[in-house]
Amino acid sequence: MAEINPVLVVVDVQNGFVTEHSEHVVPVIEQLVREWLDRGRDVVFTRYLNYDDSPFEQIMGWSKLKNSPEIDIVDHLQGLSRKAVAVVDKKVYTLFNDEGIELANARLWIDMFVCGIDTEVCVLKTAVDAFERGIRAWLLTDASASHSGREPNDAGVLVAQKMLGRKQTIATVEVEGAISA
């Protein structure tokens, strides 16, 4: 039987994604990360880095998050990110670029708890990619948000319930029960 090695993945809580619609999750995530690290568990942060002529720029016309301070992890999480197993820089929606795949394989994660910004995009894609790799993925609803507002966030949760299973979208207070199940 594999040793339980759950990981908390904090997706893209960067200055460029924190708005009046998403800022409420920062203290929730900060508390969660502190508790996770205090228990000696793995924590991984991701940072989305856009680039010139990216598909996001060419197809969507979206050219944000190319430089500091937009790409920086928010101040409240900077110190905690330095205590994480890794900060994975990515140019795609998901944690599972080459570095993320290597990390998941090396750390033998069987449970992945995913939170951050944006629920309907990078948080969802990371959770679904984990699921498709045989990792039990959990989307933490009260620690995830959309910088675009409540409606996109709710859509992301709904799609996660369909793709991961209704029981896989939980609040942070349900994490310990999920780990021990």
N, C-alpha and C. Protein backbone atom coordinates (compact mmCIF):
# COMPACT_ATOMS: atom_id res chain seq x y z
N MET A 1 0.85 -1.19 0.00
CA MET A 1 0.00 0.00 0.00
C MET A 1 0.89 1.24 0.00
N ALA A 2 0.56 2.20 -0.85
CA ALA A 2 1.35 3.43 -0.96
C ALA A 2 1.18 4.28 0.30
N GLU A 3 2.26 4.92 0.69
CA GLU A 3 2.21 5.84 1.82
C GLU A 3 1.38 7.07 1.43
N ILE A 4 0.57 7.53 2.37
CA ILE A 4 -0.24 8.72 2.11
C ILE A 4 0.68 9.93 2.06
N ASN A 5 0.71 10.58 0.91
CA ASN A 5 1.52 11.77 0.72
C ASN A 5 0.69 12.80 -0.03
N PRO A 6 -0.27 13.42 0.68
CA PRO A 6 -1.11 14.41 -0.01
C PRO A 6 -0.32 15.68 -0.30
N VAL A 7 -0.73 16.35 -1.36
CA VAL A 7 -0.10 17.60 -1.74
C VAL A 7 -1.17 18.68 -1.86
N LEU A 8 -0.82 19.87 -1.43
CA LEU A 8 -1.65 21.05 -1.64
C LEU A 8 -1.02 21.83 -2.78
N VAL A 9 -1.80 22.07 -3.83
CA VAL A 9 -1.32 22.85 -4.97
C VAL A 9 -2.04 24.20 -4.96
N VAL A 10 -1.27 25.26 -4.83
CA VAL A 10 -1.79 26.63 -4.82
C VAL A 10 -1.52 27.22 -6.20
N VAL A 11 -2.60 27.37 -6.96
CA VAL A 11 -2.50 27.74 -8.36
C VAL A 11 -2.61 29.26 -8.56
N ASP A 12 -1.55 29.84 -9.07
CA ASP A 12 -1.55 31.19 -9.66
C ASP A 12 -2.13 32.30 -8.78
N VAL A 13 -1.80 32.29 -7.51
CA VAL A 13 -2.24 33.38 -6.63
C VAL A 13 -1.20 34.50 -6.77
N GLN A 14 -1.30 35.16 -7.92
CA GLN A 14 -0.36 36.18 -8.35
C GLN A 14 -1.04 37.53 -8.39
N ASN A 15 -0.24 38.57 -8.26
CA ASN A 15 -0.78 39.93 -8.26
C ASN A 15 -1.71 40.19 -9.44
N GLY A 16 -1.36 39.69 -10.61
CA GLY A 16 -2.16 39.94 -11.80
C GLY A 16 -3.51 39.25 -11.83
N PHE A 17 -3.73 38.29 -10.94
CA PHE A 17 -5.00 37.58 -10.88
C PHE A 17 -5.84 37.96 -9.66
N VAL A 18 -5.27 38.72 -8.75
CA VAL A 18 -6.02 39.10 -7.55
C VAL A 18 -6.79 40.39 -7.82
N THR A 19 -8.11 40.27 -7.74
CA THR A 19 -9.03 41.40 -7.96
C THR A 19 -10.02 41.43 -6.81
N GLU A 20 -10.97 42.34 -6.88
CA GLU A 20 -12.02 42.40 -5.87
C GLU A 20 -12.85 41.12 -5.85
N HIS A 21 -12.80 40.36 -6.94
CA HIS A 21 -13.55 39.10 -7.02
C HIS A 21 -12.80 37.92 -6.45
N SER A 22 -11.49 38.02 -6.35
CA SER A 22 -10.69 36.86 -5.92
C SER A 22 -9.90 37.10 -4.64
N GLU A 23 -9.78 38.33 -4.19
CA GLU A 23 -8.91 38.62 -3.03
C GLU A 23 -9.37 37.93 -1.75
N HIS A 24 -10.64 37.59 -1.64
CA HIS A 24 -11.15 36.96 -0.41
C HIS A 24 -10.54 35.59 -0.15
N VAL A 25 -9.99 34.93 -1.18
CA VAL A 25 -9.41 33.60 -0.95
C VAL A 25 -7.98 33.65 -0.44
N VAL A 26 -7.32 34.79 -0.56
CA VAL A 26 -5.91 34.87 -0.15
C VAL A 26 -5.73 34.52 1.33
N PRO A 27 -6.49 35.09 2.28
CA PRO A 27 -6.30 34.69 3.68
C PRO A 27 -6.70 33.24 3.95
N VAL A 28 -7.67 32.73 3.22
CA VAL A 28 -8.06 31.31 3.37
C VAL A 28 -6.89 30.43 2.94
N ILE A 29 -6.30 30.75 1.81
CA ILE A 29 -5.16 29.98 1.30
C ILE A 29 -3.97 30.12 2.23
N GLU A 30 -3.72 31.33 2.72
CA GLU A 30 -2.60 31.55 3.63
C GLU A 30 -2.72 30.65 4.86
N GLN A 31 -3.89 30.61 5.47
CA GLN A 31 -4.10 29.76 6.65
C GLN A 31 -3.94 28.29 6.29
N LEU A 32 -4.48 27.88 5.17
CA LEU A 32 -4.38 26.49 4.73
C LEU A 32 -2.93 26.08 4.51
N VAL A 33 -2.17 26.93 3.85
CA VAL A 33 -0.76 26.63 3.58
C VAL A 33 0.01 26.53 4.90
N ARG A 34 -0.23 27.45 5.82
CA ARG A 34 0.45 27.39 7.13
C ARG A 34 0.17 26.05 7.83
N GLU A 35 -1.09 25.66 7.86
CA GLU A 35 -1.47 24.40 8.50
C GLU A 35 -0.83 23.21 7.80
N TRP A 36 -0.82 23.25 6.49
CA TRP A 36 -0.25 22.16 5.68
C TRP A 36 1.25 22.03 5.97
N LEU A 37 1.95 23.15 5.94
CA LEU A 37 3.40 23.13 6.21
C LEU A 37 3.69 22.71 7.65
N ASP A 38 2.87 23.16 8.61
CA ASP A 38 3.06 22.76 10.01
C ASP A 38 2.94 21.26 10.19
N ARG A 39 2.18 20.60 9.34
CA ARG A 39 2.02 19.14 9.41
C ARG A 39 3.07 18.40 8.60
N GLY A 40 3.98 19.15 7.98
CA GLY A 40 5.06 18.54 7.21
C GLY A 40 4.62 17.98 5.87
N ARG A 41 3.53 18.49 5.36
CA ARG A 41 3.01 18.00 4.08
C ARG A 41 3.56 18.82 2.91
N ASP A 42 3.49 18.21 1.74
CA ASP A 42 3.96 18.87 0.53
C ASP A 42 3.02 20.00 0.11
N VAL A 43 3.62 21.12 -0.25
CA VAL A 43 2.90 22.26 -0.83
C VAL A 43 3.64 22.66 -2.09
N VAL A 44 2.90 22.92 -3.14
CA VAL A 44 3.46 23.40 -4.40
C VAL A 44 2.67 24.64 -4.82
N PHE A 45 3.39 25.64 -5.24
CA PHE A 45 2.78 26.84 -5.82
C PHE A 45 3.02 26.81 -7.32
N THR A 46 2.09 27.38 -8.07
CA THR A 46 2.34 27.59 -9.50
C THR A 46 2.27 29.08 -9.80
N ARG A 47 2.99 29.46 -10.84
CA ARG A 47 2.94 30.84 -11.35
C ARG A 47 2.78 30.75 -12.86
N TYR A 48 1.75 31.41 -13.35
CA TYR A 48 1.57 31.48 -14.80
C TYR A 48 2.44 32.61 -15.34
N LEU A 49 3.19 32.32 -16.40
CA LEU A 49 4.04 33.31 -17.05
C LEU A 49 3.67 33.38 -18.53
N ASN A 50 3.07 34.49 -18.94
CA ASN A 50 2.73 34.69 -20.33
C ASN A 50 4.00 35.13 -21.08
N TYR A 51 3.96 35.05 -22.40
CA TYR A 51 5.13 35.42 -23.20
C TYR A 51 4.67 35.96 -24.55
N ASP A 52 5.56 36.68 -25.21
CA ASP A 52 5.25 37.26 -26.52
C ASP A 52 4.85 36.16 -27.49
N ASP A 53 3.79 36.41 -28.23
CA ASP A 53 3.29 35.49 -29.25
C ASP A 53 2.77 34.17 -28.70
N SER A 54 2.43 34.14 -27.42
CA SER A 54 1.83 32.94 -26.84
C SER A 54 0.45 32.73 -27.47
N PRO A 55 -0.10 31.52 -27.37
CA PRO A 55 -1.47 31.33 -27.84
C PRO A 55 -2.47 32.26 -27.13
N PHE A 56 -2.19 32.56 -25.86
CA PHE A 56 -3.06 33.45 -25.11
C PHE A 56 -3.07 34.84 -25.76
N GLU A 57 -1.91 35.27 -26.22
CA GLU A 57 -1.79 36.58 -26.86
C GLU A 57 -2.31 36.53 -28.30
N GLN A 58 -1.86 35.54 -29.06
CA GLN A 58 -2.23 35.47 -30.48
C GLN A 58 -3.70 35.16 -30.71
N ILE A 59 -4.24 34.21 -29.98
CA ILE A 59 -5.61 33.75 -30.22
C ILE A 59 -6.62 34.52 -29.39
N MET A 60 -6.29 34.74 -28.13
CA MET A 60 -7.24 35.37 -27.22
C MET A 60 -7.06 36.88 -27.10
N GLY A 61 -5.91 37.37 -27.56
CA GLY A 61 -5.63 38.80 -27.42
C GLY A 61 -5.33 39.20 -25.98
N TRP A 62 -4.87 38.24 -25.18
CA TRP A 62 -4.62 38.47 -23.76
C TRP A 62 -3.11 38.51 -23.53
N SER A 63 -2.59 39.67 -23.12
CA SER A 63 -1.14 39.83 -23.01
C SER A 63 -0.69 40.22 -21.61
N LYS A 64 -1.49 39.92 -20.60
CA LYS A 64 -1.11 40.23 -19.22
C LYS A 64 -0.17 39.17 -18.67
N LEU A 65 0.30 39.40 -17.45
CA LEU A 65 1.14 38.49 -16.69
C LEU A 65 2.43 38.10 -17.42
N LYS A 66 3.13 39.13 -17.87
CA LYS A 66 4.42 38.92 -18.51
C LYS A 66 5.57 39.36 -17.63
N ASN A 67 5.32 40.31 -16.73
CA ASN A 67 6.40 40.91 -15.95
C ASN A 67 5.99 41.12 -14.50
N SER A 68 7.00 41.35 -13.67
CA SER A 68 6.77 41.72 -12.28
C SER A 68 6.19 43.14 -12.27
N PRO A 69 5.28 43.47 -11.40
CA PRO A 69 4.77 42.71 -10.26
C PRO A 69 3.59 41.80 -10.58
N GLU A 70 3.05 41.85 -11.82
CA GLU A 70 1.89 41.02 -12.15
C GLU A 70 2.15 39.53 -11.94
N ILE A 71 3.34 39.04 -12.30
CA ILE A 71 3.63 37.61 -12.22
C ILE A 71 3.99 37.14 -10.82
N ASP A 72 4.23 38.07 -9.91
CA ASP A 72 4.69 37.71 -8.56
C ASP A 72 3.56 37.11 -7.73
N ILE A 73 3.90 36.11 -6.93
CA ILE A 73 2.96 35.58 -5.95
C ILE A 73 2.67 36.70 -4.97
N VAL A 74 1.41 36.80 -4.53
CA VAL A 74 1.01 37.90 -3.65
C VAL A 74 1.86 37.93 -2.39
N ASP A 75 2.02 39.13 -1.85
CA ASP A 75 2.88 39.34 -0.68
C ASP A 75 2.55 38.41 0.49
N HIS A 76 1.26 38.20 0.77
CA HIS A 76 0.86 37.36 1.91
C HIS A 76 1.35 35.92 1.79
N LEU A 77 1.67 35.49 0.58
CA LEU A 77 2.09 34.10 0.37
C LEU A 77 3.56 33.97 -0.03
N GLN A 78 4.25 35.10 -0.22
CA GLN A 78 5.65 35.05 -0.67
C GLN A 78 6.53 34.20 0.24
N GLY A 79 6.51 34.50 1.54
CA GLY A 79 7.35 33.75 2.48
C GLY A 79 6.99 32.28 2.53
N LEU A 80 5.71 31.98 2.48
CA LEU A 80 5.26 30.59 2.51
C LEU A 80 5.66 29.86 1.23
N SER A 81 5.66 30.56 0.12
CA SER A 81 6.05 29.91 -1.14
C SER A 81 7.51 29.46 -1.10
N ARG A 82 8.33 30.16 -0.34
CA ARG A 82 9.74 29.78 -0.21
C ARG A 82 9.92 28.51 0.62
N LYS A 83 8.90 28.14 1.39
CA LYS A 83 8.95 26.91 2.19
C LYS A 83 8.32 25.73 1.47
N ALA A 84 7.77 25.97 0.30
CA ALA A 84 7.10 24.93 -0.47
C ALA A 84 8.11 23.97 -1.09
N VAL A 85 7.63 22.80 -1.46
CA VAL A 85 8.46 21.83 -2.18
C VAL A 85 8.96 22.46 -3.48
N ALA A 86 8.10 23.24 -4.12
CA ALA A 86 8.48 23.87 -5.38
C ALA A 86 7.53 25.02 -5.71
N VAL A 87 8.03 25.93 -6.51
CA VAL A 87 7.20 26.91 -7.20
C VAL A 87 7.40 26.60 -8.68
N VAL A 88 6.35 26.09 -9.29
CA VAL A 88 6.43 25.66 -10.69
C VAL A 88 5.95 26.80 -11.58
N ASP A 89 6.88 27.31 -12.38
CA ASP A 89 6.53 28.32 -13.38
C ASP A 89 5.99 27.59 -14.60
N LYS A 90 4.88 28.10 -15.14
CA LYS A 90 4.24 27.41 -16.24
C LYS A 90 3.77 28.41 -17.29
N LYS A 91 3.72 27.94 -18.50
CA LYS A 91 3.23 28.77 -19.62
C LYS A 91 1.94 28.18 -20.19
N VAL A 92 1.35 27.25 -19.45
CA VAL A 92 0.11 26.58 -19.82
C VAL A 92 -0.84 26.67 -18.63
N TYR A 93 -2.05 26.16 -18.79
CA TYR A 93 -3.04 26.24 -17.73
C TYR A 93 -2.70 25.38 -16.51
N THR A 94 -2.04 24.28 -16.68
CA THR A 94 -1.92 23.24 -15.67
C THR A 94 -0.56 23.19 -14.97
N LEU A 95 -0.57 22.62 -13.78
CA LEU A 95 0.68 22.29 -13.08
C LEU A 95 1.49 21.28 -13.88
N PHE A 96 0.81 20.46 -14.69
CA PHE A 96 1.45 19.31 -15.30
C PHE A 96 2.20 19.63 -16.59
N ASN A 97 3.18 20.55 -16.46
CA ASN A 97 4.18 20.70 -17.51
C ASN A 97 5.28 19.68 -17.19
N ASP A 98 6.40 19.72 -17.87
CA ASP A 98 7.46 18.72 -17.62
C ASP A 98 7.89 18.71 -16.16
N GLU A 99 8.10 19.90 -15.58
CA GLU A 99 8.54 19.98 -14.18
C GLU A 99 7.47 19.43 -13.23
N GLY A 100 6.21 19.78 -13.47
CA GLY A 100 5.13 19.32 -12.62
C GLY A 100 4.94 17.82 -12.68
N ILE A 101 5.05 17.24 -13.87
CA ILE A 101 4.93 15.79 -14.04
C ILE A 101 6.05 15.08 -13.30
N GLU A 102 7.27 15.57 -13.47
CA GLU A 102 8.43 14.99 -12.79
C GLU A 102 8.26 15.06 -11.28
N LEU A 103 7.79 16.17 -10.78
CA LEU A 103 7.57 16.37 -9.35
C LEU A 103 6.52 15.40 -8.82
N ALA A 104 5.40 15.28 -9.53
CA ALA A 104 4.32 14.37 -9.10
C ALA A 104 4.80 12.93 -9.07
N ASN A 105 5.56 12.53 -10.07
CA ASN A 105 6.09 11.17 -10.10
C ASN A 105 7.10 10.92 -8.99
N ALA A 106 7.98 11.88 -8.76
CA ALA A 106 9.03 11.72 -7.74
C ALA A 106 8.45 11.71 -6.32
N ARG A 107 7.41 12.52 -6.09
CA ARG A 107 6.85 12.65 -4.74
C ARG A 107 5.75 11.62 -4.45
N LEU A 108 5.36 10.85 -5.47
CA LEU A 108 4.36 9.78 -5.31
C LEU A 108 3.03 10.27 -4.73
N TRP A 109 2.55 11.41 -5.24
CA TRP A 109 1.29 11.94 -4.74
C TRP A 109 0.13 11.06 -5.18
N ILE A 110 -0.73 10.72 -4.23
CA ILE A 110 -1.95 9.99 -4.56
C ILE A 110 -3.19 10.84 -4.31
N ASP A 111 -3.05 11.89 -3.53
CA ASP A 111 -4.13 12.85 -3.27
C ASP A 111 -3.60 14.25 -3.54
N MET A 112 -4.32 15.00 -4.36
CA MET A 112 -3.92 16.37 -4.69
C MET A 112 -5.09 17.30 -4.37
N PHE A 113 -4.85 18.25 -3.48
CA PHE A 113 -5.84 19.25 -3.10
C PHE A 113 -5.47 20.54 -3.81
N VAL A 114 -6.37 21.01 -4.67
CA VAL A 114 -6.07 22.11 -5.56
C VAL A 114 -6.92 23.33 -5.19
N CYS A 115 -6.26 24.49 -5.12
CA CYS A 115 -6.96 25.74 -4.83
C CYS A 115 -6.25 26.86 -5.57
N GLY A 116 -6.85 28.04 -5.57
CA GLY A 116 -6.19 29.20 -6.17
C GLY A 116 -7.10 29.96 -7.11
N ILE A 117 -6.47 30.55 -8.12
CA ILE A 117 -7.14 31.44 -9.06
C ILE A 117 -6.71 31.02 -10.47
N ASP A 118 -7.55 30.84 -11.34
CA ASP A 118 -8.96 30.93 -11.52
C ASP A 118 -9.57 29.54 -11.47
N THR A 119 -10.67 29.42 -10.72
CA THR A 119 -11.33 28.13 -10.54
C THR A 119 -11.67 27.49 -11.88
N GLU A 120 -12.22 28.27 -12.79
CA GLU A 120 -12.73 27.74 -14.05
C GLU A 120 -11.66 27.50 -15.10
N VAL A 121 -10.43 27.86 -14.79
CA VAL A 121 -9.36 27.72 -15.78
C VAL A 121 -8.23 26.86 -15.20
N CYS A 122 -7.23 27.48 -14.63
CA CYS A 122 -6.02 26.77 -14.20
C CYS A 122 -6.25 25.84 -13.02
N VAL A 123 -7.12 26.21 -12.08
CA VAL A 123 -7.42 25.33 -10.95
C VAL A 123 -8.11 24.07 -11.48
N LEU A 124 -9.13 24.25 -12.29
CA LEU A 124 -9.87 23.13 -12.86
C LEU A 124 -8.97 22.25 -13.72
N LYS A 125 -8.19 22.85 -14.59
CA LYS A 125 -7.32 22.08 -15.50
C LYS A 125 -6.30 21.27 -14.72
N THR A 126 -5.74 21.83 -13.67
CA THR A 126 -4.78 21.09 -12.85
C THR A 126 -5.46 19.91 -12.17
N ALA A 127 -6.64 20.13 -11.60
CA ALA A 127 -7.35 19.04 -10.93
C ALA A 127 -7.73 17.93 -11.91
N VAL A 128 -8.22 18.30 -13.07
CA VAL A 128 -8.61 17.29 -14.07
C VAL A 128 -7.38 16.54 -14.58
N ASP A 129 -6.29 17.23 -14.81
CA ASP A 129 -5.07 16.56 -15.26
C ASP A 129 -4.56 15.59 -14.20
N ALA A 130 -4.66 15.96 -12.93
CA ALA A 130 -4.27 15.05 -11.85
C ALA A 130 -5.16 13.80 -11.89
N PHE A 131 -6.45 14.00 -11.99
CA PHE A 131 -7.42 12.90 -12.07
C PHE A 131 -7.06 11.96 -13.22
N GLU A 132 -6.76 12.51 -14.38
CA GLU A 132 -6.44 11.68 -15.54
C GLU A 132 -5.11 10.95 -15.40
N ARG A 133 -4.30 11.36 -14.44
CA ARG A 133 -3.03 10.68 -14.16
C ARG A 133 -3.16 9.70 -13.00
N GLY A 134 -4.38 9.49 -12.53
CA GLY A 134 -4.61 8.53 -11.46
C GLY A 134 -4.40 9.09 -10.07
N ILE A 135 -4.29 10.39 -9.96
CA ILE A 135 -4.17 11.04 -8.65
C ILE A 135 -5.57 11.46 -8.24
N ARG A 136 -5.95 11.14 -7.01
CA ARG A 136 -7.27 11.55 -6.52
C ARG A 136 -7.23 13.06 -6.31
N ALA A 137 -8.00 13.78 -7.12
CA ALA A 137 -7.97 15.25 -7.11
C ALA A 137 -9.16 15.80 -6.35
N TRP A 138 -8.88 16.83 -5.57
CA TRP A 138 -9.90 17.54 -4.78
C TRP A 138 -9.81 19.02 -5.12
N LEU A 139 -10.94 19.65 -5.41
CA LEU A 139 -10.98 21.08 -5.63
C LEU A 139 -11.53 21.73 -4.37
N LEU A 140 -10.77 22.64 -3.79
CA LEU A 140 -11.15 23.30 -2.54
C LEU A 140 -11.94 24.57 -2.86
N THR A 141 -13.25 24.47 -2.68
CA THR A 141 -14.16 25.51 -3.16
C THR A 141 -14.01 26.85 -2.45
N ASP A 142 -13.75 26.83 -1.14
CA ASP A 142 -13.65 28.10 -0.42
C ASP A 142 -12.25 28.70 -0.49
N ALA A 143 -11.33 28.01 -1.13
CA ALA A 143 -9.97 28.51 -1.31
C ALA A 143 -9.67 28.73 -2.79
N SER A 144 -10.73 28.80 -3.59
CA SER A 144 -10.59 29.04 -5.03
C SER A 144 -11.56 30.14 -5.44
N ALA A 145 -11.17 30.89 -6.45
CA ALA A 145 -12.00 31.99 -6.94
C ALA A 145 -11.61 32.30 -8.38
N SER A 146 -12.43 33.12 -9.00
CA SER A 146 -12.12 33.63 -10.32
C SER A 146 -11.89 35.14 -10.23
N HIS A 147 -10.86 35.62 -10.89
CA HIS A 147 -10.63 37.06 -10.90
C HIS A 147 -11.72 37.79 -11.69
N SER A 148 -12.51 37.03 -12.45
CA SER A 148 -13.57 37.62 -13.27
C SER A 148 -14.92 37.68 -12.57
N GLY A 149 -15.06 37.04 -11.44
CA GLY A 149 -16.32 37.12 -10.71
C GLY A 149 -16.87 35.79 -10.26
N ARG A 150 -18.00 35.86 -9.62
CA ARG A 150 -18.66 34.69 -9.02
C ARG A 150 -19.17 33.70 -10.06
N GLU A 151 -19.74 34.20 -11.14
CA GLU A 151 -20.32 33.32 -12.15
C GLU A 151 -19.29 32.38 -12.78
N PRO A 152 -18.13 32.86 -13.23
CA PRO A 152 -17.12 31.94 -13.76
C PRO A 152 -16.62 30.95 -12.69
N ASN A 153 -16.47 31.42 -11.45
CA ASN A 153 -16.06 30.54 -10.37
C ASN A 153 -17.07 29.40 -10.20
N ASP A 154 -18.35 29.75 -10.13
CA ASP A 154 -19.39 28.74 -9.94
C ASP A 154 -19.43 27.76 -11.12
N ALA A 155 -19.20 28.26 -12.32
CA ALA A 155 -19.15 27.40 -13.50
C ALA A 155 -18.00 26.40 -13.37
N GLY A 156 -16.85 26.87 -12.88
CA GLY A 156 -15.70 25.99 -12.67
C GLY A 156 -15.99 24.89 -11.67
N VAL A 157 -16.66 25.24 -10.58
CA VAL A 157 -17.02 24.24 -9.57
C VAL A 157 -17.98 23.21 -10.17
N LEU A 158 -18.97 23.68 -10.93
CA LEU A 158 -19.93 22.78 -11.55
C LEU A 158 -19.24 21.80 -12.50
N VAL A 159 -18.35 22.30 -13.33
CA VAL A 159 -17.63 21.44 -14.27
C VAL A 159 -16.73 20.47 -13.50
N ALA A 160 -16.10 20.94 -12.43
CA ALA A 160 -15.27 20.04 -11.61
C ALA A 160 -16.10 18.91 -11.02
N GLN A 161 -17.31 19.21 -10.57
CA GLN A 161 -18.18 18.17 -10.03
C GLN A 161 -18.51 17.12 -11.09
N LYS A 162 -18.67 17.54 -12.33
CA LYS A 162 -18.95 16.61 -13.42
C LYS A 162 -17.71 15.81 -13.81
N MET A 163 -16.54 16.45 -13.82
CA MET A 163 -15.34 15.79 -14.30
C MET A 163 -14.60 14.99 -13.23
N LEU A 164 -14.68 15.44 -11.98
CA LEU A 164 -13.95 14.77 -10.89
C LEU A 164 -14.87 13.95 -10.00
N GLY A 165 -16.14 14.34 -9.95
CA GLY A 165 -17.10 13.74 -9.04
C GLY A 165 -17.55 14.76 -8.02
N ARG A 166 -18.82 14.74 -7.72
CA ARG A 166 -19.39 15.72 -6.79
C ARG A 166 -18.67 15.71 -5.43
N LYS A 167 -18.27 14.55 -4.96
CA LYS A 167 -17.62 14.45 -3.65
C LYS A 167 -16.19 14.99 -3.65
N GLN A 168 -15.68 15.32 -4.82
CA GLN A 168 -14.30 15.81 -4.92
C GLN A 168 -14.20 17.32 -4.86
N THR A 169 -15.32 18.01 -4.73
CA THR A 169 -15.31 19.46 -4.52
C THR A 169 -15.73 19.70 -3.07
N ILE A 170 -14.77 20.13 -2.27
CA ILE A 170 -14.99 20.24 -0.84
C ILE A 170 -14.50 21.58 -0.31
N ALA A 171 -14.91 21.89 0.91
CA ALA A 171 -14.40 23.08 1.61
C ALA A 171 -13.15 22.67 2.39
N THR A 172 -12.38 23.66 2.77
CA THR A 172 -11.12 23.39 3.46
C THR A 172 -11.33 22.65 4.80
N VAL A 173 -12.46 22.86 5.45
CA VAL A 173 -12.71 22.15 6.72
C VAL A 173 -12.91 20.66 6.51
N GLU A 174 -13.12 20.23 5.29
CA GLU A 174 -13.34 18.82 4.98
C GLU A 174 -12.05 18.09 4.57
N VAL A 175 -10.94 18.80 4.51
CA VAL A 175 -9.69 18.21 4.01
C VAL A 175 -9.22 17.02 4.85
N GLU A 176 -9.18 17.16 6.16
CA GLU A 176 -8.66 16.08 7.00
C GLU A 176 -9.48 14.81 6.85
N GLY A 177 -10.80 14.95 6.74
CA GLY A 177 -11.65 13.80 6.53
C GLY A 177 -11.38 13.13 5.19
N ALA A 178 -11.09 13.94 4.16
CA ALA A 178 -10.79 13.42 2.84
C ALA A 178 -9.46 12.66 2.85
N ILE A 179 -8.48 13.18 3.58
CA ILE A 179 -7.17 12.53 3.64
C ILE A 179 -7.27 11.18 4.34
N SER A 180 -8.02 11.12 5.42
CA SER A 180 -8.09 9.89 6.19
C SER A 180 -9.05 8.86 5.59
N ALA A 181 -9.85 9.26 4.60
CA ALA A 181 -10.82 8.33 3.99
C ALA A 181 -10.13 7.30 3.13
